[in-house]
Amino acid sequence: MASTADLQITQGSDYNISVVVYDDFGSAVNLTGYTVRGLVKRRYGDATSLFDLAPTISDAASGVVSISLSPTTTKDIPVGQFKYGIEVQKDDIAFKALNGNVIVIPEVNS
């Protein structure tokens, strides 16, 4: 079962977050051998994405997934509210680990 959390990104700023992937029983999933991906779309089900969150597994044994976006990346993200999903996969097993809204706010000092 996927957890739900909203992400707030400011254009032109660093964005860093780490989250733990939990199973249906509330235990952290050992992500050793898994891959992770995460896309942002205007709406769930859209064929194309706005941008890639480029998540990485930063501590596989503890189930930690990290997202790090540079100011160069965030400056070009349009302002608005969008949908995202992070999925982990190993062999034929894939599941949605986290999803929710991405709220992009404008940079004030540009």
Foldseek 3Di string as FASTA:
>chain_A
DAAEDEAEAEALAKDKDKDFFADPVGAGAQQVQKFKWKFKDQEPPDPDTQDTQPWGAPHRRRRMIMGIDHNVRRNPRDADKIKMWMWMDHDPDIDTRYIYIYGYHYDDPD
